[in-house]
Amino acid sequence: MYDLKVFPELDPVNRVHFERYVRHLDLKQVKFNTVRTKLWRVYPFLKWYKFQDAKTITQAVLEDYFIKRRALVSPFTLQGGILELKLFFRFLLPKKEKQLFQNITIKRPRRHLPVDQLITREDISKIIDACEKPRDRALFMLMWDSGGRINELL
């Protein structure tokens, strides 16, 4: 079971909620590192909420937290944190979870590849021409055509 001593500021009431949540995740056979990640994503909210009982949360408080976090963290961090909060409150307050998060929508962030760093067909031709052995050419062409990584092909 996960050691909650890493959260020294956690109050006794929310510590009980965390202990129950960890037990719930253990019963679902969630791995140790995943449990740790989930708790560390919920903890900043509890700290921001000044460690008041999580069961007393309101929709307005969650919305205020969302707005504050959106200004402070990347879209990827925000998405992960809000998703974990949803799962935590789905466990803690199953009948209220949808109502609590009804006004919070998270757009899935997308990573955009920098166009100047993409490999062009000319680059591929140069690499294939530089290959000394037919095996290397075949591996590289297979990797390029399939989108696979070298360790997936070997």
C-alpha atoms as a PDB file:
ATOM      1  CA  MET A   1       0.000   0.000   0.000  1.00  0.00           C
ATOM      2  CA  TYR A   2       1.156   3.545  -0.714  1.00  0.00           C
ATOM      3  CA  ASP A   3       2.819   5.442   2.156  1.00  0.00           C
ATOM      4  CA  LEU A   4       0.989   8.730   2.702  1.00  0.00           C
ATOM      5  CA  LYS A   5       3.813  10.160   4.815  1.00  0.00           C
ATOM      6  CA  VAL A   6       5.040  11.896   1.662  1.00  0.00           C
ATOM      7  CA  PHE A   7       2.107  14.286   2.143  1.00  0.00           C
ATOM      8  CA  PRO A   8       3.050  15.830   5.521  1.00  0.00           C
ATOM      9  CA  GLU A   9       0.614  18.745   5.209  1.00  0.00           C
ATOM     10  CA  LEU A  10      -2.366  16.491   4.529  1.00  0.00           C
ATOM     11  CA  ASP A  11      -5.016  16.877   7.190  1.00  0.00           C
ATOM     12  CA  PRO A  12      -6.541  13.842   8.961  1.00  0.00           C
ATOM     13  CA  VAL A  13      -9.903  14.017   7.138  1.00  0.00           C
ATOM     14  CA  ASN A  14      -8.413  14.118   3.639  1.00  0.00           C
ATOM     15  CA  ARG A  15      -5.815  11.542   4.686  1.00  0.00           C
ATOM     16  CA  VAL A  16      -8.704   9.136   5.315  1.00  0.00           C
ATOM     17  CA  HIS A  17     -10.092   9.963   1.841  1.00  0.00           C
ATOM     18  CA  PHE A  18      -6.660   9.277   0.333  1.00  0.00           C
ATOM     19  CA  GLU A  19      -6.330   5.995   2.259  1.00  0.00           C
ATOM     20  CA  ARG A  20      -9.738   4.863   0.990  1.00  0.00           C
ATOM     21  CA  TYR A  21      -8.837   5.967  -2.555  1.00  0.00           C
ATOM     22  CA  VAL A  22      -5.542   4.050  -2.433  1.00  0.00           C
ATOM     23  CA  ARG A  23      -7.416   0.957  -1.238  1.00  0.00           C
ATOM     24  CA  HIS A  24      -9.925   1.409  -4.061  1.00  0.00           C
ATOM     25  CA  LEU A  25      -7.081   1.649  -6.595  1.00  0.00           C
ATOM     26  CA  ASP A  26      -5.324  -1.378  -5.062  1.00  0.00           C
ATOM     27  CA  LEU A  27      -8.498  -3.416  -5.442  1.00  0.00           C
ATOM     28  CA  LYS A  28      -8.592  -2.384  -9.098  1.00  0.00           C
ATOM     29  CA  GLN A  29      -4.985  -3.653  -9.347  1.00  0.00           C
ATOM     30  CA  VAL A  30      -3.579  -0.278 -10.313  1.00  0.00           C
ATOM     31  CA  LYS A  31       0.226  -0.269 -10.262  1.00  0.00           C
ATOM     32  CA  PHE A  32       2.161   1.500  -7.521  1.00  0.00           C
ATOM     33  CA  ASN A  33       3.607   4.235  -9.763  1.00  0.00           C
ATOM     34  CA  THR A  34       0.181   4.967 -11.223  1.00  0.00           C
ATOM     35  CA  VAL A  35      -1.271   5.329  -7.719  1.00  0.00           C
ATOM     36  CA  ARG A  36       1.542   7.709  -6.822  1.00  0.00           C
ATOM     37  CA  THR A  37       0.875   9.801  -9.941  1.00  0.00           C
ATOM     38  CA  LYS A  38      -2.852   9.937  -9.229  1.00  0.00           C
ATOM     39  CA  LEU A  39      -2.317  11.113  -5.655  1.00  0.00           C
ATOM     40  CA  TRP A  40       0.245  13.738  -6.659  1.00  0.00           C
ATOM     41  CA  ARG A  41      -2.210  15.111  -9.225  1.00  0.00           C
ATOM     42  CA  VAL A  42      -4.987  15.451  -6.635  1.00  0.00           C
ATOM     43  CA  TYR A  43      -2.762  16.812  -3.868  1.00  0.00           C
ATOM     44  CA  PRO A  44      -2.215  20.310  -5.414  1.00  0.00           C
ATOM     45  CA  PHE A  45      -5.970  20.803  -5.466  1.00  0.00           C
ATOM     46  CA  LEU A  46      -6.314  19.850  -1.802  1.00  0.00           C
ATOM     47  CA  LYS A  47      -3.463  22.182  -0.934  1.00  0.00           C
ATOM     48  CA  TRP A  48      -5.084  25.009  -2.919  1.00  0.00           C
ATOM     49  CA  TYR A  49      -8.394  24.224  -1.179  1.00  0.00           C
ATOM     50  CA  LYS A  50      -6.509  24.704   2.127  1.00  0.00           C
ATOM     51  CA  PHE A  51      -7.072  21.067   3.079  1.00  0.00           C
ATOM     52  CA  GLN A  52     -10.760  21.493   3.753  1.00  0.00           C
ATOM     53  CA  ASP A  53     -12.767  18.282   3.623  1.00  0.00           C
ATOM     54  CA  ALA A  54     -12.881  17.211  -0.042  1.00  0.00           C
ATOM     55  CA  LYS A  55     -16.454  16.023   0.431  1.00  0.00           C
ATOM     56  CA  THR A  56     -17.562  19.640   0.935  1.00  0.00           C
ATOM     57  CA  ILE A  57     -16.384  20.713  -2.520  1.00  0.00           C
ATOM     58  CA  THR A  58     -18.632  22.860  -4.694  1.00  0.00           C
ATOM     59  CA  GLN A  59     -18.827  23.335  -8.425  1.00  0.00           C
ATOM     60  CA  ALA A  60     -17.700  26.977  -8.139  1.00  0.00           C
ATOM     61  CA  VAL A  61     -14.569  26.002  -6.206  1.00  0.00           C
ATOM     62  CA  LEU A  62     -13.572  23.460  -8.854  1.00  0.00           C
ATOM     63  CA  GLU A  63     -14.182  26.012 -11.602  1.00  0.00           C
ATOM     64  CA  ASP A  64     -12.027  28.589  -9.790  1.00  0.00           C
ATOM     65  CA  TYR A  65      -9.259  26.013  -9.425  1.00  0.00           C
ATOM     66  CA  PHE A  66      -9.499  25.137 -13.127  1.00  0.00           C
ATOM     67  CA  ILE A  67      -9.189  28.799 -14.139  1.00  0.00           C
ATOM     68  CA  LYS A  68      -6.217  29.318 -11.807  1.00  0.00           C
ATOM     69  CA  ARG A  69      -4.413  26.170 -12.984  1.00  0.00           C
ATOM     70  CA  ARG A  70      -5.010  26.996 -16.645  1.00  0.00           C
ATOM     71  CA  ALA A  71      -3.007  30.197 -16.162  1.00  0.00           C
ATOM     72  CA  LEU A  72      -0.137  28.415 -14.374  1.00  0.00           C
ATOM     73  CA  VAL A  73       0.498  25.110 -16.133  1.00  0.00           C
ATOM     74  CA  SER A  74       0.761  23.664 -19.626  1.00  0.00           C
ATOM     75  CA  PRO A  75      -2.351  22.273 -21.354  1.00  0.00           C
ATOM     76  CA  PHE A  76      -0.959  18.741 -20.918  1.00  0.00           C
ATOM     77  CA  THR A  77      -0.487  19.175 -17.157  1.00  0.00           C
ATOM     78  CA  LEU A  78      -3.930  20.757 -16.865  1.00  0.00           C
ATOM     79  CA  GLN A  79      -5.603  17.930 -18.733  1.00  0.00           C
ATOM     80  CA  GLY A  80      -3.927  15.256 -16.606  1.00  0.00           C
ATOM     81  CA  GLY A  81      -4.699  17.051 -13.352  1.00  0.00           C
ATOM     82  CA  ILE A  82      -8.370  17.682 -14.128  1.00  0.00           C
ATOM     83  CA  LEU A  83      -8.834  14.118 -15.363  1.00  0.00           C
ATOM     84  CA  GLU A  84      -7.400  12.763 -12.103  1.00  0.00           C
ATOM     85  CA  LEU A  85      -9.600  15.125 -10.089  1.00  0.00           C
ATOM     86  CA  LYS A  86     -12.628  13.807 -11.964  1.00  0.00           C
ATOM     87  CA  LEU A  87     -11.653  10.231 -11.170  1.00  0.00           C
ATOM     88  CA  PHE A  88     -10.968  11.076  -7.529  1.00  0.00           C
ATOM     89  CA  PHE A  89     -14.340  12.788  -7.109  1.00  0.00           C
ATOM     90  CA  ARG A  90     -16.051   9.995  -9.040  1.00  0.00           C
ATOM     91  CA  PHE A  91     -14.750   7.727  -6.285  1.00  0.00           C
ATOM     92  CA  LEU A  92     -15.383  10.144  -3.388  1.00  0.00           C
ATOM     93  CA  LEU A  93     -18.728  11.644  -4.496  1.00  0.00           C
ATOM     94  CA  PRO A  94     -20.113   9.359  -7.210  1.00  0.00           C
ATOM     95  CA  LYS A  95     -23.522  11.040  -7.373  1.00  0.00           C
ATOM     96  CA  LYS A  96     -22.084  14.578  -7.549  1.00  0.00           C
ATOM     97  CA  GLU A  97     -19.165  14.096  -9.938  1.00  0.00           C
ATOM     98  CA  LYS A  98     -21.027  14.983 -13.165  1.00  0.00           C
ATOM     99  CA  GLN A  99     -22.607  18.053 -11.604  1.00  0.00           C
ATOM    100  CA  LEU A 100     -19.280  19.240 -10.175  1.00  0.00           C
ATOM    101  CA  PHE A 101     -17.515  19.137 -13.550  1.00  0.00           C
ATOM    102  CA  GLN A 102     -20.391  20.019 -15.876  1.00  0.00           C
ATOM    103  CA  ASN A 103     -18.976  23.435 -16.868  1.00  0.00           C
ATOM    104  CA  ILE A 104     -15.362  22.302 -17.155  1.00  0.00           C
ATOM    105  CA  THR A 105     -14.404  21.097 -20.590  1.00  0.00           C
ATOM    106  CA  ILE A 106     -10.900  20.081 -21.446  1.00  0.00           C
ATOM    107  CA  LYS A 107      -9.707  20.216 -25.000  1.00  0.00           C
ATOM    108  CA  ARG A 108      -7.249  17.470 -25.688  1.00  0.00           C
ATOM    109  CA  PRO A 109      -3.950  19.221 -26.293  1.00  0.00           C
ATOM    110  CA  ARG A 110      -2.161  18.440 -29.522  1.00  0.00           C
ATOM    111  CA  ARG A 111       1.537  18.467 -30.151  1.00  0.00           C
ATOM    112  CA  HIS A 112       2.421  20.232 -33.365  1.00  0.00           C
ATOM    113  CA  LEU A 113       5.531  19.054 -35.149  1.00  0.00           C
ATOM    114  CA  PRO A 114       7.840  21.835 -36.263  1.00  0.00           C
ATOM    115  CA  VAL A 115       7.722  21.782 -40.069  1.00  0.00           C
ATOM    116  CA  ASP A 116      11.382  22.714 -40.398  1.00  0.00           C
ATOM    117  CA  GLN A 117      12.405  19.555 -38.506  1.00  0.00           C
ATOM    118  CA  LEU A 118      10.413  17.005 -40.536  1.00  0.00           C
ATOM    119  CA  ILE A 119      12.272  14.532 -42.714  1.00  0.00           C
ATOM    120  CA  THR A 120      11.546  15.084 -46.410  1.00  0.00           C
ATOM    121  CA  ARG A 121      11.668  12.576 -49.278  1.00  0.00           C
ATOM    122  CA  GLU A 122      14.972  14.087 -50.350  1.00  0.00           C
ATOM    123  CA  ASP A 123      16.402  13.412 -46.878  1.00  0.00           C
ATOM    124  CA  ILE A 124      15.235   9.808 -47.099  1.00  0.00           C
ATOM    125  CA  SER A 125      16.850   9.401 -50.521  1.00  0.00           C
ATOM    126  CA  LYS A 126      20.162  10.721 -49.167  1.00  0.00           C
ATOM    127  CA  ILE A 127      20.025   8.323 -46.199  1.00  0.00           C
ATOM    128  CA  ILE A 128      19.202   5.345 -48.436  1.00  0.00           C
ATOM    129  CA  ASP A 129      22.029   6.265 -50.819  1.00  0.00           C
ATOM    130  CA  ALA A 130      24.422   6.440 -47.843  1.00  0.00           C
ATOM    131  CA  CYS A 131      23.556   2.893 -46.736  1.00  0.00           C
ATOM    132  CA  GLU A 132      26.373   0.530 -47.631  1.00  0.00           C
ATOM    133  CA  LYS A 133      24.559  -2.788 -47.296  1.00  0.00           C
ATOM    134  CA  PRO A 134      21.279  -3.874 -48.921  1.00  0.00           C
ATOM    135  CA  ARG A 135      20.124  -5.054 -45.476  1.00  0.00           C
ATOM    136  CA  ASP A 136      20.475  -1.502 -44.078  1.00  0.00           C
ATOM    137  CA  ARG A 137      18.607  -0.041 -47.068  1.00  0.00           C
ATOM    138  CA  ALA A 138      15.815  -2.594 -46.654  1.00  0.00           C
ATOM    139  CA  LEU A 139      15.536  -1.944 -42.906  1.00  0.00           C
ATOM    140  CA  PHE A 140      15.453   1.797 -43.361  1.00  0.00           C
ATOM    141  CA  MET A 141      12.885   1.650 -46.178  1.00  0.00           C
ATOM    142  CA  LEU A 142      10.711  -0.687 -44.111  1.00  0.00           C
ATOM    143  CA  MET A 143      11.020   1.650 -41.132  1.00  0.00           C
ATOM    144  CA  TRP A 144      10.120   4.668 -43.281  1.00  0.00           C
ATOM    145  CA  ASP A 145       7.157   2.965 -45.009  1.00  0.00           C
ATOM    146  CA  SER A 146       5.705   1.391 -41.870  1.00  0.00           C
ATOM    147  CA  GLY A 147       6.426   4.173 -39.406  1.00  0.00           C
ATOM    148  CA  GLY A 148       7.958   1.583 -37.098  1.00  0.00           C
ATOM    149  CA  ARG A 149      10.945   2.122 -34.853  1.00  0.00           C
ATOM    150  CA  ILE A 150      14.179   0.217 -35.348  1.00  0.00           C
ATOM    151  CA  ASN A 151      13.683  -1.898 -32.197  1.00  0.00           C
ATOM    152  CA  GLU A 152      10.186  -2.825 -33.408  1.00  0.00           C
ATOM    153  CA  LEU A 153      11.575  -4.099 -36.691  1.00  0.00           C
ATOM    154  CA  LEU A 154      14.496  -6.086 -35.339  1.00  0.00           C
END
